[in-house]
Amino acid sequence: MFFLLSKLLDFLLSPALWIVGLLLVGLLWRKRQLLWAAAAALLFFTNPFLANEALLAWERPPVTLQQLGTGYDAGILLTGITDVQKSPHDRVYLGAGADRLLHTLWLYRAGRIRRIIISGGSGAAFDSVARTEAATYGFCCAWPAYPGRIFCWKPAAVTLTKTPCTQRSCWRSIPK
């Protein structure tokens, strides 16, 4: 339910929907003010500089890898870094966010984290055969360098659904 609600809110709060709505209402009602508002919204919401500044103001400042402590139980690798549409499907194609995987592996090799949890769903609301990236990362679970230290968490579509289950399932299945 939460997953479908988040998809619905994502659609309803999308600036593109509001811009198209303003354009349609402005054209149908022949209101010049609505057309100007749509043009202003288009310029504002498609400006990459303003979007980047808003994201930087929202996020916490980054922490260098050397500033991190040691002895964390696990590091969570969020998926979204592979190109699941690319063929053939028997291998993994990393995209722009491949540094997430590399940083997680660095943290493990440096002894900062003891386990790696790979978490992610397909993001598809109604596709029953959608490929999850966590399933794609199944190859990581079999790496001999990380015996029993990588846990691929696939069953739920959203992180909110996975959170209560992680403590019960993950810590039992991964040795300390």
Protein backbone atom coordinates (compact mmCIF):
# COMPACT_ATOMS: atom_id res chain seq x y z
CA MET A 1 0.00 0.00 0.00
CA PHE A 2 2.78 2.41 0.93
CA PHE A 3 4.55 1.64 -2.35
CA LEU A 4 1.48 2.46 -4.47
CA LEU A 5 0.80 5.60 -2.43
CA SER A 6 4.38 6.77 -2.97
CA LYS A 7 4.05 6.18 -6.73
CA LEU A 8 0.75 8.10 -6.81
CA LEU A 9 2.19 11.03 -4.84
CA ASP A 10 5.27 11.05 -7.07
CA PHE A 11 3.00 11.42 -10.09
CA LEU A 12 0.67 14.03 -8.54
CA LEU A 13 3.48 16.20 -7.19
CA SER A 14 5.50 16.10 -10.40
CA PRO A 15 6.20 19.62 -11.71
CA ALA A 16 5.70 18.38 -15.27
CA LEU A 17 2.08 17.46 -14.48
CA TRP A 18 1.44 20.91 -13.01
CA ILE A 19 3.04 22.66 -15.99
CA VAL A 20 0.98 20.66 -18.49
CA GLY A 21 -2.13 21.31 -16.39
CA LEU A 22 -1.46 25.06 -16.35
CA LEU A 23 -0.90 25.04 -20.11
CA LEU A 24 -4.12 23.13 -20.81
CA VAL A 25 -6.24 25.26 -18.48
CA GLY A 26 -4.66 28.45 -19.86
CA LEU A 27 -5.39 27.40 -23.44
CA LEU A 28 -8.93 26.19 -22.72
CA TRP A 29 -9.96 29.21 -20.63
CA ARG A 30 -7.87 31.60 -22.74
CA LYS A 31 -6.18 33.02 -19.65
CA ARG A 32 -2.89 34.67 -20.46
CA GLN A 33 -1.83 34.71 -16.79
CA LEU A 34 -1.94 30.91 -16.62
CA LEU A 35 0.18 30.63 -19.76
CA TRP A 36 2.75 32.98 -18.23
CA ALA A 37 2.66 30.99 -14.99
CA ALA A 38 3.25 27.78 -16.98
CA ALA A 39 6.20 29.38 -18.81
CA ALA A 40 7.68 30.61 -15.52
CA ALA A 41 7.21 27.19 -13.91
CA LEU A 42 8.84 25.55 -16.93
CA LEU A 43 11.89 27.83 -16.66
CA PHE A 44 12.11 27.37 -12.88
CA PHE A 45 11.66 23.60 -12.67
CA THR A 46 13.87 22.71 -15.65
CA ASN A 47 16.82 24.80 -14.46
CA PRO A 48 19.57 22.32 -13.46
CA PHE A 49 21.45 24.93 -11.43
CA LEU A 50 18.45 25.63 -9.19
CA ALA A 51 17.71 21.91 -8.82
CA ASN A 52 21.31 21.21 -7.81
CA GLU A 53 21.33 24.08 -5.30
CA ALA A 54 18.06 22.85 -3.76
CA LEU A 55 19.48 19.32 -3.42
CA LEU A 56 22.70 20.63 -1.87
CA ALA A 57 20.71 22.66 0.67
CA TRP A 58 18.61 19.59 1.54
CA GLU A 59 21.45 17.08 1.91
CA ARG A 60 23.94 16.78 4.71
CA PRO A 61 27.50 17.66 3.78
CA PRO A 62 29.52 14.65 2.60
CA VAL A 63 31.82 12.85 5.01
CA THR A 64 35.22 11.75 3.80
CA LEU A 65 35.99 8.04 4.00
CA GLN A 66 38.80 8.71 6.45
CA GLN A 67 36.39 10.44 8.87
CA LEU A 68 34.23 7.33 9.22
CA GLY A 69 34.70 5.21 12.29
CA THR A 70 35.24 1.47 12.34
CA GLY A 71 33.25 -1.48 13.57
CA TYR A 72 29.90 -0.85 11.90
CA ASP A 73 27.71 -3.95 11.68
CA ALA A 74 26.72 -3.41 8.06
CA GLY A 75 26.80 -1.09 5.12
CA ILE A 76 23.68 -0.86 2.98
CA LEU A 77 24.23 -0.73 -0.77
CA LEU A 78 21.17 0.80 -2.38
CA THR A 79 20.64 -0.33 -5.93
CA GLY A 80 19.80 1.81 -8.90
CA ILE A 81 23.24 1.73 -10.45
CA THR A 82 22.80 -0.89 -13.15
CA ASP A 83 21.27 -0.78 -16.60
CA VAL A 84 18.79 -3.66 -16.43
CA GLN A 85 17.48 -2.99 -19.94
CA LYS A 86 20.80 -3.68 -21.65
CA SER A 87 21.25 -7.09 -23.31
CA PRO A 88 22.37 -9.81 -22.93
CA HIS A 89 20.91 -10.25 -19.44
CA ASP A 90 23.49 -12.77 -18.24
CA ARG A 91 25.86 -10.04 -16.99
CA VAL A 92 25.74 -6.83 -15.00
CA TYR A 93 26.10 -3.44 -16.68
CA LEU A 94 27.01 -0.68 -14.23
CA GLY A 95 25.81 2.86 -14.86
CA ALA A 96 26.63 6.31 -13.51
CA GLY A 97 26.26 5.35 -9.84
CA ALA A 98 28.85 2.55 -9.86
CA ASP A 99 30.82 4.41 -7.20
CA ARG A 100 28.23 3.19 -4.65
CA LEU A 101 29.38 -0.38 -5.20
CA LEU A 102 33.06 0.56 -5.18
CA HIS A 103 32.76 2.64 -1.99
CA THR A 104 30.87 -0.15 -0.21
CA LEU A 105 33.51 -2.69 -1.18
CA TRP A 106 36.24 -0.27 -0.04
CA LEU A 107 34.53 0.16 3.35
CA TYR A 108 34.35 -3.63 3.74
CA ARG A 109 37.96 -4.22 2.70
CA ALA A 110 39.16 -1.42 5.01
CA GLY A 111 37.37 -3.06 7.95
CA ARG A 112 34.92 -0.21 8.47
CA ILE A 113 31.86 -2.49 7.98
CA ARG A 114 31.49 -6.21 8.73
CA ARG A 115 28.64 -7.05 6.35
CA ILE A 116 27.10 -5.71 3.15
CA ILE A 117 23.33 -5.59 2.64
CA ILE A 118 22.29 -5.10 -0.98
CA SER A 119 18.80 -3.64 -1.06
CA GLY A 120 16.61 -2.61 -3.96
CA GLY A 121 13.47 -3.32 -5.88
CA SER A 122 12.46 -2.87 -9.47
CA GLY A 123 10.43 0.28 -8.84
CA ALA A 124 7.70 -1.06 -11.13
CA ALA A 125 4.21 -0.71 -9.69
CA PHE A 126 2.38 -3.33 -11.74
CA ASP A 127 5.04 -5.35 -13.58
CA SER A 128 4.92 -8.88 -12.15
CA VAL A 129 8.07 -10.03 -13.97
CA ALA A 130 10.16 -6.96 -13.21
CA ARG A 131 13.84 -7.67 -12.67
CA THR A 132 15.14 -6.41 -9.36
CA GLU A 133 18.65 -5.12 -9.16
CA ALA A 134 19.19 -6.93 -5.88
CA ALA A 135 18.60 -10.16 -7.80
CA THR A 136 21.09 -8.94 -10.40
CA TYR A 137 23.63 -8.48 -7.62
CA GLY A 138 23.21 -12.14 -6.67
CA PHE A 139 26.63 -12.71 -8.21
CA CYS A 140 28.11 -10.72 -5.31
CA CYS A 141 26.76 -13.18 -2.75
CA ALA A 142 28.87 -15.94 -4.25
CA TRP A 143 32.19 -14.06 -4.28
CA PRO A 144 34.80 -16.19 -2.51
CA ALA A 145 36.42 -13.08 -1.03
CA TYR A 146 33.25 -12.33 0.95
CA PRO A 147 31.98 -15.70 2.23
CA GLY A 148 28.60 -15.21 3.89
CA ARG A 149 29.16 -11.48 4.37
CA ILE A 150 26.96 -10.17 1.55
CA PHE A 151 23.20 -10.36 1.93
CA CYS A 152 20.94 -9.66 -1.07
CA TRP A 153 17.63 -8.39 0.25
CA LYS A 154 14.99 -8.71 -2.49
CA PRO A 155 11.53 -9.55 -1.18
CA ALA A 156 9.95 -6.12 -0.63
CA ALA A 157 9.37 -3.30 -3.07
CA VAL A 158 10.11 -0.42 -0.71
CA THR A 159 12.72 0.15 1.98
CA LEU A 160 10.00 0.96 4.53
CA THR A 161 8.64 -2.56 4.10
CA LYS A 162 12.11 -4.12 4.38
CA THR A 163 13.25 -2.30 7.50
CA PRO A 164 11.42 -4.36 10.15
CA CYS A 165 12.44 -7.61 8.47
CA THR A 166 16.15 -6.83 8.22
CA GLN A 167 16.87 -7.30 11.92
CA ARG A 168 15.05 -10.66 12.01
CA SER A 169 16.22 -12.16 8.72
CA CYS A 170 19.57 -10.67 7.91
CA TRP A 171 21.41 -11.00 11.18
CA ARG A 172 20.40 -14.67 11.49
CA SER A 173 21.59 -15.55 8.02
CA ILE A 174 24.92 -13.70 8.07
CA PRO A 175 27.68 -14.88 10.43
CA LYS A 176 29.35 -12.33 12.69
